[in-house]
């Protein structure tokens, strides 16, 4: 009986990929990605914003699913950041991170209010505010968490 209990214990320990402590470490790693994306807004740094993207990811937005290559995303995010000065990117609720039981997949739900000044095509600065909510799905790789897909929605509060 004792050997059976020992065998069961070993199976549980070695098949449990994500202990409570390691799960917390992995959640913190995903939150660090989120914090880097927030900092990227203020630093106007598309590379930092997309640092967790390998070669690309699936984007679910505006009623469509599309693959976004990292290069295309860097270009469009770079244009957006270059013409925008952020006053704040404020959490409406703290980001929520959950892990799959095997610790290989994580998802983050975020919701923020953004207040900024955007320079339009005529060179005029226009204040705007919007709310954004999204779901990011990350895959654990040898070199860390990588964005696999993002679904987002945005509601303009004010527009230029």
N, C-alpha and C. Protein backbone atom coordinates (compact mmCIF):
# COMPACT_ATOMS: atom_id res chain seq x y z
N UNK A 1 0.82 -1.19 0.00
CA UNK A 1 0.00 0.00 0.00
C UNK A 1 0.86 1.26 0.00
N UNK A 2 1.92 1.25 0.80
CA UNK A 2 2.80 2.41 0.87
C UNK A 2 3.44 2.69 -0.48
N UNK A 3 3.83 1.66 -1.20
CA UNK A 3 4.44 1.86 -2.52
C UNK A 3 3.42 2.38 -3.52
N UNK A 4 2.17 1.98 -3.39
CA UNK A 4 1.12 2.49 -4.27
C UNK A 4 0.90 3.98 -4.02
N UNK A 5 0.86 4.39 -2.75
CA UNK A 5 0.70 5.82 -2.43
C UNK A 5 1.90 6.62 -2.95
N UNK A 6 3.10 6.06 -2.80
CA UNK A 6 4.29 6.75 -3.29
C UNK A 6 4.23 6.90 -4.81
N UNK A 7 3.78 5.86 -5.49
CA UNK A 7 3.66 5.92 -6.95
C UNK A 7 2.64 6.98 -7.37
N UNK A 8 1.50 7.02 -6.71
CA UNK A 8 0.48 8.02 -7.01
C UNK A 8 1.02 9.43 -6.76
N UNK A 9 1.74 9.61 -5.65
CA UNK A 9 2.32 10.92 -5.33
C UNK A 9 3.29 11.35 -6.44
N UNK A 10 4.16 10.45 -6.88
CA UNK A 10 5.11 10.78 -7.94
C UNK A 10 4.40 11.14 -9.24
N UNK A 11 3.37 10.42 -9.56
CA UNK A 11 2.61 10.73 -10.78
C UNK A 11 2.01 12.12 -10.67
N UNK A 12 1.43 12.44 -9.53
CA UNK A 12 0.82 13.77 -9.35
C UNK A 12 1.86 14.87 -9.44
N UNK A 13 3.01 14.67 -8.78
CA UNK A 13 4.05 15.69 -8.77
C UNK A 13 4.63 15.90 -10.16
N UNK A 14 4.94 14.80 -10.85
CA UNK A 14 5.63 14.93 -12.13
C UNK A 14 4.71 15.22 -13.31
N UNK A 15 3.41 15.05 -13.14
CA UNK A 15 2.51 15.41 -14.23
C UNK A 15 1.88 16.77 -14.00
N UNK A 16 2.06 17.34 -12.85
CA UNK A 16 1.54 18.67 -12.57
C UNK A 16 2.58 19.68 -13.05
N UNK A 17 2.35 20.25 -14.21
CA UNK A 17 3.33 21.15 -14.82
C UNK A 17 3.37 22.52 -14.17
N UNK A 18 2.34 22.85 -13.45
CA UNK A 18 2.25 24.22 -12.97
C UNK A 18 1.84 24.24 -11.50
N UNK A 19 2.82 24.23 -10.62
CA UNK A 19 2.54 24.31 -9.19
C UNK A 19 2.01 25.71 -8.88
N UNK A 20 1.39 25.90 -7.71
CA UNK A 20 0.89 27.24 -7.38
C UNK A 20 1.98 28.31 -7.44
N UNK A 21 3.20 28.00 -6.98
CA UNK A 21 4.28 28.99 -7.01
C UNK A 21 4.72 29.27 -8.44
N UNK A 22 4.92 28.21 -9.24
CA UNK A 22 5.34 28.44 -10.62
C UNK A 22 4.24 29.13 -11.41
N UNK A 23 2.97 28.84 -11.09
CA UNK A 23 1.86 29.53 -11.77
C UNK A 23 1.92 31.02 -11.48
N UNK A 24 2.22 31.38 -10.25
CA UNK A 24 2.31 32.81 -9.91
C UNK A 24 3.48 33.47 -10.66
N UNK A 25 4.59 32.77 -10.78
CA UNK A 25 5.74 33.31 -11.53
C UNK A 25 5.36 33.51 -12.99
N UNK A 26 4.64 32.56 -13.57
CA UNK A 26 4.22 32.68 -14.97
C UNK A 26 3.22 33.82 -15.15
N UNK A 27 2.28 33.97 -14.21
CA UNK A 27 1.34 35.10 -14.27
C UNK A 27 2.10 36.43 -14.23
N UNK A 28 3.09 36.52 -13.36
CA UNK A 28 3.89 37.74 -13.27
C UNK A 28 4.63 38.01 -14.57
N UNK A 29 5.08 36.96 -15.26
CA UNK A 29 5.76 37.14 -16.54
C UNK A 29 4.80 37.70 -17.59
N UNK A 30 3.57 37.23 -17.59
CA UNK A 30 2.57 37.75 -18.54
C UNK A 30 2.21 39.19 -18.18
N UNK A 31 2.08 39.50 -16.90
CA UNK A 31 1.81 40.88 -16.48
C UNK A 31 2.97 41.79 -16.89
N UNK A 32 4.19 41.29 -16.85
CA UNK A 32 5.34 42.10 -17.28
C UNK A 32 5.23 42.46 -18.76
N UNK A 33 4.71 41.56 -19.57
CA UNK A 33 4.47 41.87 -20.99
C UNK A 33 3.46 43.00 -21.09
N UNK A 34 2.38 42.89 -20.32
CA UNK A 34 1.34 43.93 -20.30
C UNK A 34 1.94 45.28 -19.90
N UNK A 35 2.75 45.29 -18.85
CA UNK A 35 3.36 46.54 -18.38
C UNK A 35 4.31 47.12 -19.43
N UNK A 36 5.03 46.26 -20.15
CA UNK A 36 5.90 46.74 -21.21
C UNK A 36 5.09 47.37 -22.34
N UNK A 37 3.94 46.77 -22.66
CA UNK A 37 3.08 47.35 -23.69
C UNK A 37 2.56 48.71 -23.26
N UNK A 38 2.21 48.84 -21.99
CA UNK A 38 1.77 50.15 -21.48
C UNK A 38 2.90 51.17 -21.60
N UNK A 39 4.11 50.80 -21.19
CA UNK A 39 5.26 51.71 -21.28
C UNK A 39 5.54 52.09 -22.73
N UNK A 40 5.34 51.15 -23.65
CA UNK A 40 5.59 51.41 -25.07
C UNK A 40 4.73 52.56 -25.59
N UNK A 41 3.53 52.72 -25.05
CA UNK A 41 2.68 53.85 -25.46
C UNK A 41 3.39 55.17 -25.16
N UNK A 42 3.89 55.32 -23.95
CA UNK A 42 4.53 56.57 -23.53
C UNK A 42 5.88 56.77 -24.22
N UNK A 43 6.58 55.68 -24.50
CA UNK A 43 7.89 55.76 -25.13
C UNK A 43 7.80 55.76 -26.66
N UNK A 44 6.60 55.60 -27.19
CA UNK A 44 6.35 55.55 -28.63
C UNK A 44 7.26 54.50 -29.30
N UNK A 45 7.27 53.30 -28.72
CA UNK A 45 8.19 52.24 -29.13
C UNK A 45 7.41 51.01 -29.60
N UNK A 46 7.21 50.87 -30.93
CA UNK A 46 6.45 49.72 -31.42
C UNK A 46 7.15 48.38 -31.17
N UNK A 47 8.47 48.38 -31.16
CA UNK A 47 9.21 47.15 -30.88
C UNK A 47 8.95 46.65 -29.47
N UNK A 48 8.89 47.56 -28.51
CA UNK A 48 8.57 47.19 -27.13
C UNK A 48 7.12 46.72 -27.04
N UNK A 49 6.23 47.41 -27.73
CA UNK A 49 4.82 47.03 -27.71
C UNK A 49 4.62 45.60 -28.23
N UNK A 50 5.41 45.21 -29.21
CA UNK A 50 5.27 43.91 -29.86
C UNK A 50 6.39 42.94 -29.50
N UNK A 51 7.08 43.17 -28.41
CA UNK A 51 8.21 42.34 -28.02
C UNK A 51 7.82 40.88 -27.80
N UNK A 52 6.60 40.59 -27.40
CA UNK A 52 6.17 39.21 -27.15
C UNK A 52 5.67 38.51 -28.42
N UNK A 53 5.77 39.18 -29.55
CA UNK A 53 5.33 38.58 -30.82
C UNK A 53 6.55 37.93 -31.48
N UNK A 54 6.37 36.68 -31.88
CA UNK A 54 7.44 35.96 -32.58
C UNK A 54 7.45 36.45 -34.03
N UNK A 55 6.82 35.75 -34.94
CA UNK A 55 6.77 36.18 -36.34
C UNK A 55 5.44 36.82 -36.70
N UNK A 56 4.41 36.56 -35.87
CA UNK A 56 3.10 37.12 -36.11
C UNK A 56 2.08 36.50 -35.18
N UNK A 57 0.83 36.91 -35.32
CA UNK A 57 -0.24 36.43 -34.46
C UNK A 57 -1.58 36.57 -35.17
N UNK A 58 -2.58 35.88 -34.66
CA UNK A 58 -3.94 36.02 -35.18
C UNK A 58 -4.61 37.20 -34.49
N UNK A 59 -5.23 38.05 -35.27
CA UNK A 59 -5.94 39.21 -34.76
C UNK A 59 -7.42 39.05 -35.03
N UNK A 60 -8.23 39.25 -34.00
CA UNK A 60 -9.68 39.20 -34.12
C UNK A 60 -10.18 40.61 -33.80
N UNK A 61 -10.64 41.32 -34.82
CA UNK A 61 -11.07 42.71 -34.63
C UNK A 61 -11.93 43.13 -35.81
N UNK A 62 -12.80 44.06 -35.56
CA UNK A 62 -13.62 44.65 -36.62
C UNK A 62 -14.37 43.60 -37.44
N UNK A 63 -14.83 42.56 -36.79
CA UNK A 63 -15.62 41.54 -37.46
C UNK A 63 -14.84 40.59 -38.34
N UNK A 64 -13.51 40.53 -38.16
CA UNK A 64 -12.69 39.67 -39.03
C UNK A 64 -11.56 39.03 -38.24
N UNK A 65 -11.11 37.89 -38.74
CA UNK A 65 -9.93 37.21 -38.22
C UNK A 65 -8.85 37.33 -39.28
N UNK A 66 -7.67 37.78 -38.87
CA UNK A 66 -6.58 37.96 -39.83
C UNK A 66 -5.25 37.63 -39.16
N UNK A 67 -4.32 37.16 -39.96
CA UNK A 67 -2.96 36.95 -39.46
C UNK A 67 -2.21 38.27 -39.64
N UNK A 68 -1.56 38.73 -38.59
CA UNK A 68 -0.73 39.94 -38.66
C UNK A 68 0.71 39.54 -38.50
N UNK A 69 1.51 39.78 -39.51
CA UNK A 69 2.94 39.52 -39.36
C UNK A 69 3.52 40.55 -38.40
N UNK A 70 4.59 40.20 -37.75
CA UNK A 70 5.21 41.14 -36.82
C UNK A 70 5.65 42.40 -37.55
N UNK A 71 6.21 42.25 -38.74
CA UNK A 71 6.67 43.41 -39.49
C UNK A 71 5.53 44.36 -39.82
N UNK A 72 4.41 43.83 -40.31
CA UNK A 72 3.25 44.68 -40.61
C UNK A 72 2.73 45.35 -39.34
N UNK A 73 2.69 44.61 -38.24
CA UNK A 73 2.20 45.17 -36.98
C UNK A 73 3.13 46.27 -36.49
N UNK A 74 4.43 46.07 -36.60
CA UNK A 74 5.38 47.11 -36.17
C UNK A 74 5.18 48.38 -36.97
N UNK A 75 4.96 48.24 -38.27
CA UNK A 75 4.75 49.43 -39.11
C UNK A 75 3.48 50.17 -38.71
N UNK A 76 2.36 49.45 -38.56
CA UNK A 76 1.11 50.15 -38.25
C UNK A 76 1.10 50.68 -36.81
N UNK A 77 1.61 49.91 -35.87
CA UNK A 77 1.68 50.39 -34.48
C UNK A 77 2.66 51.56 -34.40
N UNK A 78 3.74 51.49 -35.15
CA UNK A 78 4.71 52.59 -35.17
C UNK A 78 4.11 53.88 -35.67
N UNK A 79 3.31 53.82 -36.72
CA UNK A 79 2.64 55.01 -37.24
C UNK A 79 1.68 55.58 -36.21
N UNK A 80 0.92 54.71 -35.57
CA UNK A 80 -0.04 55.13 -34.54
C UNK A 80 0.69 55.80 -33.37
N UNK A 81 1.74 55.17 -32.88
CA UNK A 81 2.46 55.72 -31.73
C UNK A 81 3.18 57.02 -32.08
N UNK A 82 3.69 57.12 -33.30
CA UNK A 82 4.44 58.31 -33.71
C UNK A 82 3.57 59.57 -33.74
N UNK A 83 2.29 59.41 -34.01
CA UNK A 83 1.42 60.60 -34.09
C UNK A 83 0.54 60.78 -32.86
N UNK A 84 0.88 60.05 -31.78
CA UNK A 84 0.06 60.11 -30.58
C UNK A 84 0.91 60.35 -29.34
N UNK A 85 0.49 61.32 -28.52
CA UNK A 85 1.11 61.56 -27.22
C UNK A 85 0.10 61.14 -26.15
N UNK A 86 0.48 60.20 -25.32
CA UNK A 86 -0.45 59.64 -24.34
C UNK A 86 -0.37 60.39 -23.02
N UNK A 87 -1.53 60.85 -22.56
CA UNK A 87 -1.63 61.45 -21.24
C UNK A 87 -1.76 60.36 -20.19
N UNK A 88 -2.63 59.36 -20.47
CA UNK A 88 -2.70 58.20 -19.59
C UNK A 88 -3.29 56.99 -20.30
N UNK A 89 -2.83 55.85 -19.84
CA UNK A 89 -3.40 54.55 -20.20
C UNK A 89 -3.74 53.93 -18.85
N UNK A 90 -5.01 54.05 -18.46
CA UNK A 90 -5.44 53.72 -17.10
C UNK A 90 -6.28 52.45 -17.08
N UNK A 91 -5.92 51.53 -16.18
CA UNK A 91 -6.72 50.32 -16.01
C UNK A 91 -8.11 50.67 -15.51
N UNK A 92 -9.12 50.16 -16.17
CA UNK A 92 -10.48 50.23 -15.66
C UNK A 92 -10.67 49.13 -14.62
N UNK A 93 -10.04 48.01 -14.90
CA UNK A 93 -9.96 46.90 -13.95
C UNK A 93 -8.55 46.32 -14.09
N UNK A 94 -7.99 45.76 -13.02
CA UNK A 94 -6.66 45.17 -13.16
C UNK A 94 -6.69 44.05 -14.20
N UNK A 95 -5.60 43.89 -14.96
CA UNK A 95 -5.58 42.80 -15.94
C UNK A 95 -5.71 41.46 -15.23
N UNK A 96 -6.41 40.56 -15.87
CA UNK A 96 -6.62 39.22 -15.31
C UNK A 96 -5.84 38.22 -16.16
N UNK A 97 -5.06 37.38 -15.50
CA UNK A 97 -4.25 36.37 -16.18
C UNK A 97 -4.62 35.00 -15.63
N UNK A 98 -4.86 34.08 -16.52
CA UNK A 98 -5.12 32.68 -16.15
C UNK A 98 -4.19 31.79 -16.96
N UNK A 99 -3.90 30.61 -16.42
CA UNK A 99 -3.03 29.64 -17.07
C UNK A 99 -3.77 28.34 -17.32
N UNK A 100 -3.40 27.66 -18.39
CA UNK A 100 -3.93 26.32 -18.63
C UNK A 100 -3.35 25.39 -17.56
N UNK A 101 -4.03 24.27 -17.29
CA UNK A 101 -3.52 23.35 -16.27
C UNK A 101 -2.10 22.86 -16.51
N UNK A 102 -1.67 22.75 -17.77
CA UNK A 102 -0.31 22.29 -18.04
C UNK A 102 0.71 23.43 -18.07
N UNK A 103 0.25 24.67 -17.90
CA UNK A 103 1.16 25.82 -17.84
C UNK A 103 1.75 26.24 -19.17
N UNK A 104 1.21 25.75 -20.28
CA UNK A 104 1.77 26.07 -21.60
C UNK A 104 1.01 27.16 -22.32
N UNK A 105 -0.18 27.53 -21.83
CA UNK A 105 -1.00 28.56 -22.45
C UNK A 105 -1.46 29.51 -21.35
N UNK A 106 -1.44 30.80 -21.64
CA UNK A 106 -1.94 31.81 -20.71
C UNK A 106 -2.83 32.76 -21.48
N UNK A 107 -3.79 33.32 -20.78
CA UNK A 107 -4.59 34.38 -21.40
C UNK A 107 -4.68 35.54 -20.45
N UNK A 108 -4.74 36.73 -21.03
CA UNK A 108 -4.84 37.97 -20.28
C UNK A 108 -6.05 38.73 -20.81
N UNK A 109 -6.87 39.20 -19.89
CA UNK A 109 -7.97 40.09 -20.24
C UNK A 109 -7.63 41.46 -19.66
N UNK A 110 -7.67 42.48 -20.50
CA UNK A 110 -7.39 43.83 -20.07
C UNK A 110 -8.50 44.77 -20.47
N UNK A 111 -8.62 45.85 -19.71
CA UNK A 111 -9.60 46.90 -20.02
C UNK A 111 -9.01 48.22 -19.54
N UNK A 112 -8.83 49.15 -20.47
CA UNK A 112 -8.21 50.43 -20.14
C UNK A 112 -8.99 51.59 -20.73
N UNK A 113 -8.75 52.75 -20.15
CA UNK A 113 -9.17 54.02 -20.73
C UNK A 113 -7.89 54.73 -21.15
N UNK A 114 -7.90 55.27 -22.36
CA UNK A 114 -6.74 55.97 -22.89
C UNK A 114 -7.12 57.41 -23.17
N UNK A 115 -6.30 58.32 -22.72
CA UNK A 115 -6.47 59.74 -23.04
C UNK A 115 -5.18 60.19 -23.71
N UNK A 116 -5.33 60.85 -24.88
CA UNK A 116 -4.15 61.20 -25.65
C UNK A 116 -4.41 62.40 -26.54
N UNK A 117 -3.35 62.84 -27.17
CA UNK A 117 -3.40 63.89 -28.19
C UNK A 117 -2.88 63.25 -29.47
N UNK A 118 -3.69 63.31 -30.52
CA UNK A 118 -3.31 62.72 -31.80
C UNK A 118 -3.09 63.85 -32.80
N UNK A 119 -2.02 63.75 -33.56
CA UNK A 119 -1.75 64.70 -34.63
C UNK A 119 -2.39 64.16 -35.90
N UNK A 120 -3.32 64.93 -36.46
CA UNK A 120 -4.02 64.46 -37.66
C UNK A 120 -3.17 64.71 -38.91
N UNK A 121 -3.69 64.33 -40.06
CA UNK A 121 -2.93 64.44 -41.32
C UNK A 121 -2.61 65.89 -41.69
N UNK A 122 -3.38 66.84 -41.16
CA UNK A 122 -3.12 68.26 -41.43
C UNK A 122 -2.11 68.84 -40.43
N UNK A 123 -1.64 68.02 -39.47
CA UNK A 123 -0.68 68.50 -38.48
C UNK A 123 -1.32 69.14 -37.27
N UNK A 124 -2.62 69.02 -37.14
CA UNK A 124 -3.34 69.61 -36.01
C UNK A 124 -3.48 68.59 -34.89
N UNK A 125 -3.19 69.05 -33.67
CA UNK A 125 -3.33 68.18 -32.51
C UNK A 125 -4.79 68.12 -32.08
N UNK A 126 -5.28 66.91 -31.89
CA UNK A 126 -6.66 66.67 -31.48
C UNK A 126 -6.68 65.77 -30.25
N UNK A 127 -7.34 66.21 -29.18
CA UNK A 127 -7.46 65.32 -28.03
C UNK A 127 -8.46 64.21 -28.33
N UNK A 128 -8.22 63.03 -27.77
CA UNK A 128 -9.19 61.96 -27.90
C UNK A 128 -9.07 61.01 -26.70
N UNK A 129 -10.17 60.36 -26.43
CA UNK A 129 -10.23 59.39 -25.34
C UNK A 129 -10.98 58.18 -25.86
N UNK A 130 -10.47 56.99 -25.50
CA UNK A 130 -11.20 55.77 -25.85
C UNK A 130 -11.02 54.73 -24.76
N UNK A 131 -11.92 53.77 -24.78
CA UNK A 131 -11.83 52.60 -23.91
C UNK A 131 -11.54 51.40 -24.80
N UNK A 132 -10.69 50.53 -24.30
CA UNK A 132 -10.35 49.33 -25.04
C UNK A 132 -10.39 48.13 -24.10
N UNK A 133 -10.92 47.04 -24.61
CA UNK A 133 -10.91 45.77 -23.89
C UNK A 133 -10.38 44.72 -24.85
N UNK A 134 -9.61 43.77 -24.34
CA UNK A 134 -9.02 42.76 -25.21
C UNK A 134 -8.74 41.48 -24.45
N UNK A 135 -8.49 40.45 -25.25
CA UNK A 135 -8.10 39.14 -24.76
C UNK A 135 -6.86 38.73 -25.54
N UNK A 136 -5.76 38.53 -24.84
CA UNK A 136 -4.53 38.03 -25.46
C UNK A 136 -4.34 36.58 -25.05
N UNK A 137 -3.96 35.76 -26.00
CA UNK A 137 -3.63 34.36 -25.72
C UNK A 137 -2.14 34.19 -25.99
N UNK A 138 -1.42 33.67 -25.00
CA UNK A 138 0.02 33.47 -25.08
C UNK A 138 0.36 31.99 -25.04
N UNK A 139 1.41 31.61 -25.75
CA UNK A 139 1.95 30.26 -25.71
C UNK A 139 3.32 30.31 -25.05
N UNK A 140 3.58 29.36 -24.17
CA UNK A 140 4.88 29.27 -23.52
C UNK A 140 5.86 28.60 -24.47
N UNK A 141 6.95 29.28 -24.75
CA UNK A 141 8.01 28.75 -25.62
C UNK A 141 9.31 28.69 -24.81
N UNK A 142 10.33 28.13 -25.41
CA UNK A 142 11.62 28.05 -24.71
C UNK A 142 12.14 29.42 -24.32
N UNK A 143 11.87 30.43 -25.14
CA UNK A 143 12.39 31.77 -24.87
C UNK A 143 11.36 32.68 -24.17
N UNK A 144 10.29 32.10 -23.65
CA UNK A 144 9.31 32.88 -22.89
C UNK A 144 7.93 32.83 -23.51
N UNK A 145 7.06 33.71 -23.04
CA UNK A 145 5.68 33.78 -23.53
C UNK A 145 5.64 34.51 -24.85
N UNK A 146 4.89 33.96 -25.81
CA UNK A 146 4.73 34.56 -27.13
C UNK A 146 3.26 34.73 -27.44
N UNK A 147 2.90 35.90 -27.96
CA UNK A 147 1.52 36.19 -28.32
C UNK A 147 1.09 35.30 -29.48
N UNK A 148 -0.01 34.56 -29.29
CA UNK A 148 -0.55 33.70 -30.34
C UNK A 148 -1.75 34.36 -31.00
N UNK A 149 -2.59 35.04 -30.19
CA UNK A 149 -3.76 35.72 -30.76
C UNK A 149 -4.22 36.84 -29.85
N UNK A 150 -4.87 37.80 -30.48
CA UNK A 150 -5.42 38.95 -29.76
C UNK A 150 -6.79 39.26 -30.34
N UNK A 151 -7.77 39.38 -29.44
CA UNK A 151 -9.11 39.83 -29.83
C UNK A 151 -9.34 41.13 -29.08
N UNK A 152 -9.72 42.17 -29.78
CA UNK A 152 -9.93 43.43 -29.08
C UNK A 152 -11.13 44.20 -29.62
N UNK A 153 -11.57 45.08 -28.76
CA UNK A 153 -12.67 45.97 -29.10
C UNK A 153 -12.33 47.35 -28.55
N UNK A 154 -12.83 48.36 -29.20
CA UNK A 154 -12.54 49.73 -28.78
C UNK A 154 -13.79 50.58 -28.92
N UNK A 155 -13.98 51.45 -27.97
CA UNK A 155 -15.10 52.39 -28.03
C UNK A 155 -14.55 53.79 -27.88
N UNK A 156 -14.72 54.59 -28.90
CA UNK A 156 -14.26 55.98 -28.82
C UNK A 156 -15.18 56.77 -27.90
N UNK A 157 -14.53 57.51 -27.01
CA UNK A 157 -15.28 58.43 -26.15
C UNK A 157 -15.29 59.79 -26.80
N UNK A 158 -14.13 60.21 -27.31
CA UNK A 158 -14.02 61.43 -28.12
C UNK A 158 -13.14 61.10 -29.29
N UNK A 159 -13.36 61.75 -30.39
CA UNK A 159 -12.55 61.53 -31.59
C UNK A 159 -12.09 62.86 -32.14
N UNK A 160 -10.97 62.80 -32.88
CA UNK A 160 -10.53 64.05 -33.57
C UNK A 160 -11.46 64.37 -34.71
